[in-house]
Amino acid sequence: MSNLQQVLEDIRSEIQIMSNGRGVGSIRAVARLCDVDESGLRRHFKGADLTPSKLAESLISHGFKPADLEAFSQSGVPDIAIALDMES
């Protein structure tokens, strides 16, 4: 298996489809999909209530609450937020 195939398989294992049909991914998977540093992405979500980054502001403008963003570390990143992250 090539390195790229292994990365794709790892990402696939970190994304779940919930019973309501919505996808949820780990911050690690989202960081890998977006080709960004995982710890940086965590900082964007964690500080959303104090000093929101442009990414956090974008998610908030689409209806997410700062508390939602902070919860992504525990509950995973919803598919809508993943799509918005990839656009940013």
PDB file of N, CA and C in Angstrom:
ATOM      1  N   MET A   1       0.857  -1.173   0.000  1.00  0.00           N
ATOM      2  CA  MET A   1       0.000   0.000   0.000  1.00  0.00           C
ATOM      3  C   MET A   1       0.904   1.237   0.000  1.00  0.00           C
ATOM      4  N   SER A   2       0.586   2.192  -0.873  1.00  0.00           N
ATOM      5  CA  SER A   2       1.386   3.408  -0.934  1.00  0.00           C
ATOM      6  C   SER A   2       1.104   4.300   0.267  1.00  0.00           C
ATOM      7  N   ASN A   3       1.983   5.246   0.471  1.00  0.00           N
ATOM      8  CA  ASN A   3       1.831   6.179   1.587  1.00  0.00           C
ATOM      9  C   ASN A   3       0.515   6.947   1.471  1.00  0.00           C
ATOM     10  N   LEU A   4       0.169   7.409   0.263  1.00  0.00           N
ATOM     11  CA  LEU A   4      -1.074   8.140   0.048  1.00  0.00           C
ATOM     12  C   LEU A   4      -2.279   7.265   0.367  1.00  0.00           C
ATOM     13  N   GLN A   5      -2.249   6.030  -0.064  1.00  0.00           N
ATOM     14  CA  GLN A   5      -3.351   5.115   0.225  1.00  0.00           C
ATOM     15  C   GLN A   5      -3.499   4.909   1.726  1.00  0.00           C
ATOM     16  N   GLN A   6      -2.381   4.824   2.425  1.00  0.00           N
ATOM     17  CA  GLN A   6      -2.430   4.641   3.874  1.00  0.00           C
ATOM     18  C   GLN A   6      -3.036   5.863   4.554  1.00  0.00           C
ATOM     19  N   VAL A   7      -2.659   7.065   4.101  1.00  0.00           N
ATOM     20  CA  VAL A   7      -3.214   8.295   4.671  1.00  0.00           C
ATOM     21  C   VAL A   7      -4.712   8.342   4.439  1.00  0.00           C
ATOM     22  N   LEU A   8      -5.149   8.018   3.228  1.00  0.00           N
ATOM     23  CA  LEU A   8      -6.585   8.017   2.919  1.00  0.00           C
ATOM     24  C   LEU A   8      -7.332   7.000   3.773  1.00  0.00           C
ATOM     25  N   GLU A   9      -6.746   5.845   3.977  1.00  0.00           N
ATOM     26  CA  GLU A   9      -7.377   4.820   4.814  1.00  0.00           C
ATOM     27  C   GLU A   9      -7.455   5.285   6.264  1.00  0.00           C
ATOM     28  N   ASP A  10      -6.404   5.951   6.745  1.00  0.00           N
ATOM     29  CA  ASP A  10      -6.414   6.485   8.113  1.00  0.00           C
ATOM     30  C   ASP A  10      -7.515   7.524   8.273  1.00  0.00           C
ATOM     31  N   ILE A  11      -7.636   8.430   7.306  1.00  0.00           N
ATOM     32  CA  ILE A  11      -8.671   9.461   7.357  1.00  0.00           C
ATOM     33  C   ILE A  11     -10.046   8.811   7.343  1.00  0.00           C
ATOM     34  N   ARG A  12     -10.226   7.845   6.473  1.00  0.00           N
ATOM     35  CA  ARG A  12     -11.517   7.156   6.368  1.00  0.00           C
ATOM     36  C   ARG A  12     -11.909   6.517   7.698  1.00  0.00           C
ATOM     37  N   SER A  13     -10.930   5.999   8.427  1.00  0.00           N
ATOM     38  CA  SER A  13     -11.237   5.354   9.705  1.00  0.00           C
ATOM     39  C   SER A  13     -11.576   6.372  10.793  1.00  0.00           C
ATOM     40  N   GLU A  14     -11.261   7.652  10.563  1.00  0.00           N
ATOM     41  CA  GLU A  14     -11.515   8.704  11.555  1.00  0.00           C
ATOM     42  C   GLU A  14     -12.766   9.518  11.240  1.00  0.00           C
ATOM     43  N   ILE A  15     -13.511   9.101  10.244  1.00  0.00           N
ATOM     44  CA  ILE A  15     -14.767   9.768   9.896  1.00  0.00           C
ATOM     45  C   ILE A  15     -15.887   8.752  10.047  1.00  0.00           C
ATOM     46  N   GLN A  16     -16.928   9.146  10.767  1.00  0.00           N
ATOM     47  CA  GLN A  16     -18.052   8.242  11.020  1.00  0.00           C
ATOM     48  C   GLN A  16     -19.324   8.829  10.433  1.00  0.00           C
ATOM     49  N   ILE A  17     -20.206   7.966  10.010  1.00  0.00           N
ATOM     50  CA  ILE A  17     -21.536   8.371   9.584  1.00  0.00           C
ATOM     51  C   ILE A  17     -22.489   8.004  10.722  1.00  0.00           C
ATOM     52  N   MET A  18     -23.166   9.027  11.247  1.00  0.00           N
ATOM     53  CA  MET A  18     -24.064   8.823  12.377  1.00  0.00           C
ATOM     54  C   MET A  18     -25.404   8.254  11.876  1.00  0.00           C
ATOM     55  N   SER A  19     -26.246   7.830  12.797  1.00  0.00           N
ATOM     56  CA  SER A  19     -27.530   7.224  12.437  1.00  0.00           C
ATOM     57  C   SER A  19     -28.447   8.199  11.708  1.00  0.00           C
ATOM     58  N   ASN A  20     -28.238   9.510  11.888  1.00  0.00           N
ATOM     59  CA  ASN A  20     -29.063  10.501  11.191  1.00  0.00           C
ATOM     60  C   ASN A  20     -28.527  10.823   9.798  1.00  0.00           C
ATOM     61  N   GLY A  21     -27.462  10.135   9.385  1.00  0.00           N
ATOM     62  CA  GLY A  21     -26.896  10.330   8.056  1.00  0.00           C
ATOM     63  C   GLY A  21     -25.822  11.403   7.974  1.00  0.00           C
ATOM     64  N   ARG A  22     -25.590  12.083   9.066  1.00  0.00           N
ATOM     65  CA  ARG A  22     -24.560  13.130   9.104  1.00  0.00           C
ATOM     66  C   ARG A  22     -23.201  12.518   9.379  1.00  0.00           C
ATOM     67  N   GLY A  23     -22.184  13.109   8.798  1.00  0.00           N
ATOM     68  CA  GLY A  23     -20.822  12.669   9.038  1.00  0.00           C
ATOM     69  C   GLY A  23     -20.176  13.475  10.147  1.00  0.00           C
ATOM     70  N   VAL A  24     -19.263  12.842  10.859  1.00  0.00           N
ATOM     71  CA  VAL A  24     -18.496  13.495  11.910  1.00  0.00           C
ATOM     72  C   VAL A  24     -17.062  12.982  11.793  1.00  0.00           C
ATOM     73  N   GLY A  25     -16.130  13.916  11.783  1.00  0.00           N
ATOM     74  CA  GLY A  25     -14.725  13.538  11.674  1.00  0.00           C
ATOM     75  C   GLY A  25     -13.921  14.042  12.844  1.00  0.00           C
ATOM     76  N   SER A  26     -12.841  13.350  13.123  1.00  0.00           N
ATOM     77  CA  SER A  26     -11.949  13.810  14.183  1.00  0.00           C
ATOM     78  C   SER A  26     -11.209  15.062  13.695  1.00  0.00           C
ATOM     79  N   ILE A  27     -10.729  15.848  14.645  1.00  0.00           N
ATOM     80  CA  ILE A  27      -9.952  17.027  14.260  1.00  0.00           C
ATOM     81  C   ILE A  27      -8.712  16.591  13.491  1.00  0.00           C
ATOM     82  N   ARG A  28      -8.142  15.484  13.870  1.00  0.00           N
ATOM     83  CA  ARG A  28      -6.965  14.965  13.162  1.00  0.00           C
ATOM     84  C   ARG A  28      -7.292  14.687  11.697  1.00  0.00           C
ATOM     85  N   ALA A  29      -8.424  14.045  11.453  1.00  0.00           N
ATOM     86  CA  ALA A  29      -8.817  13.747  10.071  1.00  0.00           C
ATOM     87  C   ALA A  29      -9.062  15.026   9.285  1.00  0.00           C
ATOM     88  N   VAL A  30      -9.724  15.999   9.902  1.00  0.00           N
ATOM     89  CA  VAL A  30     -10.007  17.265   9.229  1.00  0.00           C
ATOM     90  C   VAL A  30      -8.699  17.987   8.907  1.00  0.00           C
ATOM     91  N   ALA A  31      -7.780  17.991   9.849  1.00  0.00           N
ATOM     92  CA  ALA A  31      -6.487  18.636   9.621  1.00  0.00           C
ATOM     93  C   ALA A  31      -5.761  17.979   8.457  1.00  0.00           C
ATOM     94  N   ARG A  32      -5.815  16.669   8.401  1.00  0.00           N
ATOM     95  CA  ARG A  32      -5.149  15.955   7.302  1.00  0.00           C
ATOM     96  C   ARG A  32      -5.837  16.232   5.971  1.00  0.00           C
ATOM     97  N   LEU A  33      -7.163  16.265   5.975  1.00  0.00           N
ATOM     98  CA  LEU A  33      -7.895  16.569   4.743  1.00  0.00           C
ATOM     99  C   LEU A  33      -7.571  17.967   4.221  1.00  0.00           C
ATOM    100  N   CYS A  34      -7.436  18.916   5.153  1.00  0.00           N
ATOM    101  CA  CYS A  34      -7.180  20.311   4.790  1.00  0.00           C
ATOM    102  C   CYS A  34      -5.689  20.614   4.665  1.00  0.00           C
ATOM    103  N   ASP A  35      -4.854  19.639   4.954  1.00  0.00           N
ATOM    104  CA  ASP A  35      -3.398  19.787   4.904  1.00  0.00           C
ATOM    105  C   ASP A  35      -2.922  20.933   5.787  1.00  0.00           C
ATOM    106  N   VAL A  36      -3.411  20.923   7.033  1.00  0.00           N
ATOM    107  CA  VAL A  36      -2.999  21.919   8.024  1.00  0.00           C
ATOM    108  C   VAL A  36      -2.547  21.195   9.288  1.00  0.00           C
ATOM    109  N   ASP A  37      -1.892  21.929  10.155  1.00  0.00           N
ATOM    110  CA  ASP A  37      -1.409  21.387  11.413  1.00  0.00           C
ATOM    111  C   ASP A  37      -2.577  21.118  12.357  1.00  0.00           C
ATOM    112  N   GLU A  38      -2.619  19.936  12.920  1.00  0.00           N
ATOM    113  CA  GLU A  38      -3.706  19.551  13.824  1.00  0.00           C
ATOM    114  C   GLU A  38      -3.775  20.467  15.042  1.00  0.00           C
ATOM    115  N   SER A  39      -2.636  20.784  15.635  1.00  0.00           N
ATOM    116  CA  SER A  39      -2.650  21.631  16.835  1.00  0.00           C
ATOM    117  C   SER A  39      -3.139  23.041  16.504  1.00  0.00           C
ATOM    118  N   GLY A  40      -2.814  23.530  15.313  1.00  0.00           N
ATOM    119  CA  GLY A  40      -3.319  24.840  14.902  1.00  0.00           C
ATOM    120  C   GLY A  40      -4.822  24.836  14.738  1.00  0.00           C
ATOM    121  N   LEU A  41      -5.345  23.766  14.170  1.00  0.00           N
ATOM    122  CA  LEU A  41      -6.792  23.654  13.998  1.00  0.00           C
ATOM    123  C   LEU A  41      -7.483  23.591  15.356  1.00  0.00           C
ATOM    124  N   ARG A  42      -6.900  22.859  16.282  1.00  0.00           N
ATOM    125  CA  ARG A  42      -7.456  22.796  17.641  1.00  0.00           C
ATOM    126  C   ARG A  42      -7.486  24.188  18.276  1.00  0.00           C
ATOM    127  N   ARG A  43      -6.417  24.973  18.063  1.00  0.00           N
ATOM    128  CA  ARG A  43      -6.377  26.335  18.618  1.00  0.00           C
ATOM    129  C   ARG A  43      -7.488  27.199  18.036  1.00  0.00           C
ATOM    130  N   HIS A  44      -7.758  27.052  16.732  1.00  0.00           N
ATOM    131  CA  HIS A  44      -8.842  27.817  16.095  1.00  0.00           C
ATOM    132  C   HIS A  44     -10.172  27.514  16.774  1.00  0.00           C
ATOM    133  N   PHE A  45     -10.411  26.246  17.078  1.00  0.00           N
ATOM    134  CA  PHE A  45     -11.673  25.854  17.685  1.00  0.00           C
ATOM    135  C   PHE A  45     -11.716  26.208  19.175  1.00  0.00           C
ATOM    136  N   LYS A  46     -10.600  26.013  19.873  1.00  0.00           N
ATOM    137  CA  LYS A  46     -10.590  26.213  21.319  1.00  0.00           C
ATOM    138  C   LYS A  46     -10.772  27.675  21.716  1.00  0.00           C
ATOM    139  N   GLY A  47     -10.196  28.597  20.980  1.00  0.00           N
ATOM    140  CA  GLY A  47     -10.272  30.001  21.355  1.00  0.00           C
ATOM    141  C   GLY A  47     -11.425  30.744  20.733  1.00  0.00           C
ATOM    142  N   ALA A  48     -12.398  30.032  20.200  1.00  0.00           N
ATOM    143  CA  ALA A  48     -13.479  30.665  19.442  1.00  0.00           C
ATOM    144  C   ALA A  48     -14.319  31.625  20.269  1.00  0.00           C
ATOM    145  N   ASP A  49     -14.437  31.379  21.565  1.00  0.00           N
ATOM    146  CA  ASP A  49     -15.281  32.247  22.384  1.00  0.00           C
ATOM    147  C   ASP A  49     -14.548  33.507  22.849  1.00  0.00           C
ATOM    148  N   LEU A  50     -13.225  33.467  22.921  1.00  0.00           N
ATOM    149  CA  LEU A  50     -12.467  34.615  23.398  1.00  0.00           C
ATOM    150  C   LEU A  50     -12.033  35.533  22.255  1.00  0.00           C
ATOM    151  N   THR A  51     -11.237  35.002  21.383  1.00  0.00           N
ATOM    152  CA  THR A  51     -10.763  35.768  20.224  1.00  0.00           C
ATOM    153  C   THR A  51     -10.896  34.883  18.988  1.00  0.00           C
ATOM    154  N   PRO A  52     -12.048  34.907  18.343  1.00  0.00           N
ATOM    155  CA  PRO A  52     -12.282  34.003  17.215  1.00  0.00           C
ATOM    156  C   PRO A  52     -11.341  34.291  16.037  1.00  0.00           C
ATOM    157  N   SER A  53     -10.785  33.227  15.492  1.00  0.00           N
ATOM    158  CA  SER A  53      -9.973  33.336  14.281  1.00  0.00           C
ATOM    159  C   SER A  53     -10.910  33.537  13.092  1.00  0.00           C
ATOM    160  N   LYS A  54     -10.338  33.771  11.928  1.00  0.00           N
ATOM    161  CA  LYS A  54     -11.178  33.920  10.723  1.00  0.00           C
ATOM    162  C   LYS A  54     -11.950  32.635  10.455  1.00  0.00           C
ATOM    163  N   LEU A  55     -11.319  31.504  10.684  1.00  0.00           N
ATOM    164  CA  LEU A  55     -12.007  30.224  10.502  1.00  0.00           C
ATOM    165  C   LEU A  55     -13.176  30.119  11.469  1.00  0.00           C
ATOM    166  N   ALA A  56     -12.934  30.428  12.741  1.00  0.00           N
ATOM    167  CA  ALA A  56     -14.004  30.366  13.747  1.00  0.00           C
ATOM    168  C   ALA A  56     -15.116  31.353  13.399  1.00  0.00           C
ATOM    169  N   GLU A  57     -14.747  32.557  12.974  1.00  0.00           N
ATOM    170  CA  GLU A  57     -15.756  33.550  12.587  1.00  0.00           C
ATOM    171  C   GLU A  57     -16.604  33.043  11.426  1.00  0.00           C
ATOM    172  N   SER A  58     -15.966  32.376  10.479  1.00  0.00           N
ATOM    173  CA  SER A  58     -16.704  31.822   9.336  1.00  0.00           C
ATOM    174  C   SER A  58     -17.710  30.771   9.802  1.00  0.00           C
ATOM    175  N   LEU A  59     -17.269  29.876  10.676  1.00  0.00           N
ATOM    176  CA  LEU A  59     -18.174  28.841  11.184  1.00  0.00           C
ATOM    177  C   LEU A  59     -19.298  29.456  12.010  1.00  0.00           C
ATOM    178  N   ILE A  60     -18.972  30.457  12.818  1.00  0.00           N
ATOM    179  CA  ILE A  60     -19.987  31.134  13.625  1.00  0.00           C
ATOM    180  C   ILE A  60     -21.004  31.827  12.725  1.00  0.00           C
ATOM    181  N   SER A  61     -20.540  32.419  11.640  1.00  0.00           N
ATOM    182  CA  SER A  61     -21.457  33.093  10.711  1.00  0.00           C
ATOM    183  C   SER A  61     -22.385  32.113  10.001  1.00  0.00           C
ATOM    184  N   HIS A  62     -22.014  30.833  10.010  1.00  0.00           N
ATOM    185  CA  HIS A  62     -22.864  29.793   9.413  1.00  0.00           C
ATOM    186  C   HIS A  62     -23.707  29.069  10.460  1.00  0.00           C
ATOM    187  N   GLY A  63     -23.797  29.659  11.665  1.00  0.00           N
ATOM    188  CA  GLY A  63     -24.715  29.119  12.660  1.00  0.00           C
ATOM    189  C   GLY A  63     -24.097  28.329  13.799  1.00  0.00           C
ATOM    190  N   PHE A  64     -22.804  28.078  13.746  1.00  0.00           N
ATOM    191  CA  PHE A  64     -22.169  27.372  14.861  1.00  0.00           C
ATOM    192  C   PHE A  64     -21.934  28.354  15.999  1.00  0.00           C
ATOM    193  N   LYS A  65     -22.045  27.863  17.206  1.00  0.00           N
ATOM    194  CA  LYS A  65     -21.772  28.672  18.396  1.00  0.00           C
ATOM    195  C   LYS A  65     -20.332  28.409  18.838  1.00  0.00           C
ATOM    196  N   PRO A  66     -19.692  29.399  19.477  1.00  0.00           N
ATOM    197  CA  PRO A  66     -18.327  29.161  19.957  1.00  0.00           C
ATOM    198  C   PRO A  66     -18.211  27.898  20.820  1.00  0.00           C
ATOM    199  N   ALA A  67     -19.209  27.635  21.635  1.00  0.00           N
ATOM    200  CA  ALA A  67     -19.175  26.421  22.466  1.00  0.00           C
ATOM    201  C   ALA A  67     -19.196  25.158  21.605  1.00  0.00           C
ATOM    202  N   ASP A  68     -19.900  25.223  20.456  1.00  0.00           N
ATOM    203  CA  ASP A  68     -19.912  24.085  19.529  1.00  0.00           C
ATOM    204  C   ASP A  68     -18.495  23.799  19.039  1.00  0.00           C
ATOM    205  N   LEU A  69     -17.782  24.873  18.692  1.00  0.00           N
ATOM    206  CA  LEU A  69     -16.431  24.713  18.152  1.00  0.00           C
ATOM    207  C   LEU A  69     -15.499  24.106  19.197  1.00  0.00           C
ATOM    208  N   GLU A  70     -15.636  24.550  20.435  1.00  0.00           N
ATOM    209  CA  GLU A  70     -14.800  23.990  21.497  1.00  0.00           C
ATOM    210  C   GLU A  70     -15.109  22.513  21.723  1.00  0.00           C
ATOM    211  N   ALA A  71     -16.342  22.112  21.498  1.00  0.00           N
ATOM    212  CA  ALA A  71     -16.748  20.716  21.711  1.00  0.00           C
ATOM    213  C   ALA A  71     -16.252  19.791  20.604  1.00  0.00           C
ATOM    214  N   PHE A  72     -15.791  20.346  19.487  1.00  0.00           N
ATOM    215  CA  PHE A  72     -15.322  19.499  18.382  1.00  0.00           C
ATOM    216  C   PHE A  72     -14.215  18.537  18.825  1.00  0.00           C
ATOM    217  N   SER A  73     -13.401  18.942  19.791  1.00  0.00           N
ATOM    218  CA  SER A  73     -12.327  18.060  20.267  1.00  0.00           C
ATOM    219  C   SER A  73     -12.885  16.782  20.870  1.00  0.00           C
ATOM    220  N   GLN A  74     -14.039  16.875  21.502  1.00  0.00           N
ATOM    221  CA  GLN A  74     -14.640  15.717  22.154  1.00  0.00           C
ATOM    222  C   GLN A  74     -15.627  14.977  21.259  1.00  0.00           C
ATOM    223  N   SER A  75     -16.468  15.747  20.568  1.00  0.00           N
ATOM    224  CA  SER A  75     -17.571  15.139  19.827  1.00  0.00           C
ATOM    225  C   SER A  75     -17.284  14.922  18.345  1.00  0.00           C
ATOM    226  N   GLY A  76     -16.215  15.513  17.842  1.00  0.00           N
ATOM    227  CA  GLY A  76     -15.899  15.420  16.419  1.00  0.00           C
ATOM    228  C   GLY A  76     -16.416  16.640  15.678  1.00  0.00           C
ATOM    229  N   VAL A  77     -15.942  16.796  14.463  1.00  0.00           N
ATOM    230  CA  VAL A  77     -16.295  17.944  13.637  1.00  0.00           C
ATOM    231  C   VAL A  77     -17.416  17.520  12.683  1.00  0.00           C
ATOM    232  N   PRO A  78     -18.568  18.189  12.732  1.00  0.00           N
ATOM    233  CA  PRO A  78     -19.676  17.826  11.843  1.00  0.00           C
ATOM    234  C   PRO A  78     -19.313  18.032  10.374  1.00  0.00           C
ATOM    235  N   ASP A  79     -19.953  17.263   9.519  1.00  0.00           N
ATOM    236  CA  ASP A  79     -19.646  17.311   8.093  1.00  0.00           C
ATOM    237  C   ASP A  79     -19.790  18.714   7.490  1.00  0.00           C
ATOM    238  N   ILE A  80     -20.778  19.473   7.945  1.00  0.00           N
ATOM    239  CA  ILE A  80     -20.967  20.834   7.433  1.00  0.00           C
ATOM    240  C   ILE A  80     -19.751  21.685   7.782  1.00  0.00           C
ATOM    241  N   ALA A  81     -19.261  21.565   9.006  1.00  0.00           N
ATOM    242  CA  ALA A  81     -18.085  22.320   9.426  1.00  0.00           C
ATOM    243  C   ALA A  81     -16.845  21.864   8.650  1.00  0.00           C
ATOM    244  N   ILE A  82     -16.757  20.585   8.348  1.00  0.00           N
ATOM    245  CA  ILE A  82     -15.626  20.085   7.558  1.00  0.00           C
ATOM    246  C   ILE A  82     -15.635  20.741   6.185  1.00  0.00           C
ATOM    247  N   ALA A  83     -16.804  20.783   5.558  1.00  0.00           N
ATOM    248  CA  ALA A  83     -16.908  21.413   4.231  1.00  0.00           C
ATOM    249  C   ALA A  83     -16.539  22.884   4.294  1.00  0.00           C
ATOM    250  N   LEU A  84     -17.004  23.580   5.320  1.00  0.00           N
ATOM    251  CA  LEU A  84     -16.668  25.000   5.469  1.00  0.00           C
ATOM    252  C   LEU A  84     -15.181  25.179   5.751  1.00  0.00           C
ATOM    253  N   ASP A  85     -14.597  24.287   6.533  1.00  0.00           N
ATOM    254  CA  ASP A  85     -13.149  24.354   6.799  1.00  0.00           C
ATOM    255  C   ASP A  85     -12.365  24.208   5.501  1.00  0.00           C
ATOM    256  N   MET A  86     -12.803  23.306   4.657  1.00  0.00           N
ATOM    257  CA  MET A  86     -12.086  23.054   3.421  1.00  0.00           C
ATOM    258  C   MET A  86     -12.200  24.229   2.456  1.00  0.00           C
ATOM    259  N   GLU A  87     -13.276  24.975   2.550  1.00  0.00           N
ATOM    260  CA  GLU A  87     -13.446  26.161   1.715  1.00  0.00           C
ATOM    261  C   GLU A  87     -12.546  27.307   2.167  1.00  0.00           C
ATOM    262  N   SER A  88     -12.265  27.365   3.466  1.00  0.00           N
ATOM    263  CA  SER A  88     -11.478  28.481   4.027  1.00  0.00           C
ATOM    264  C   SER A  88     -10.030  28.410   3.649  1.00  0.00           C
TER     265      SER A  88
END
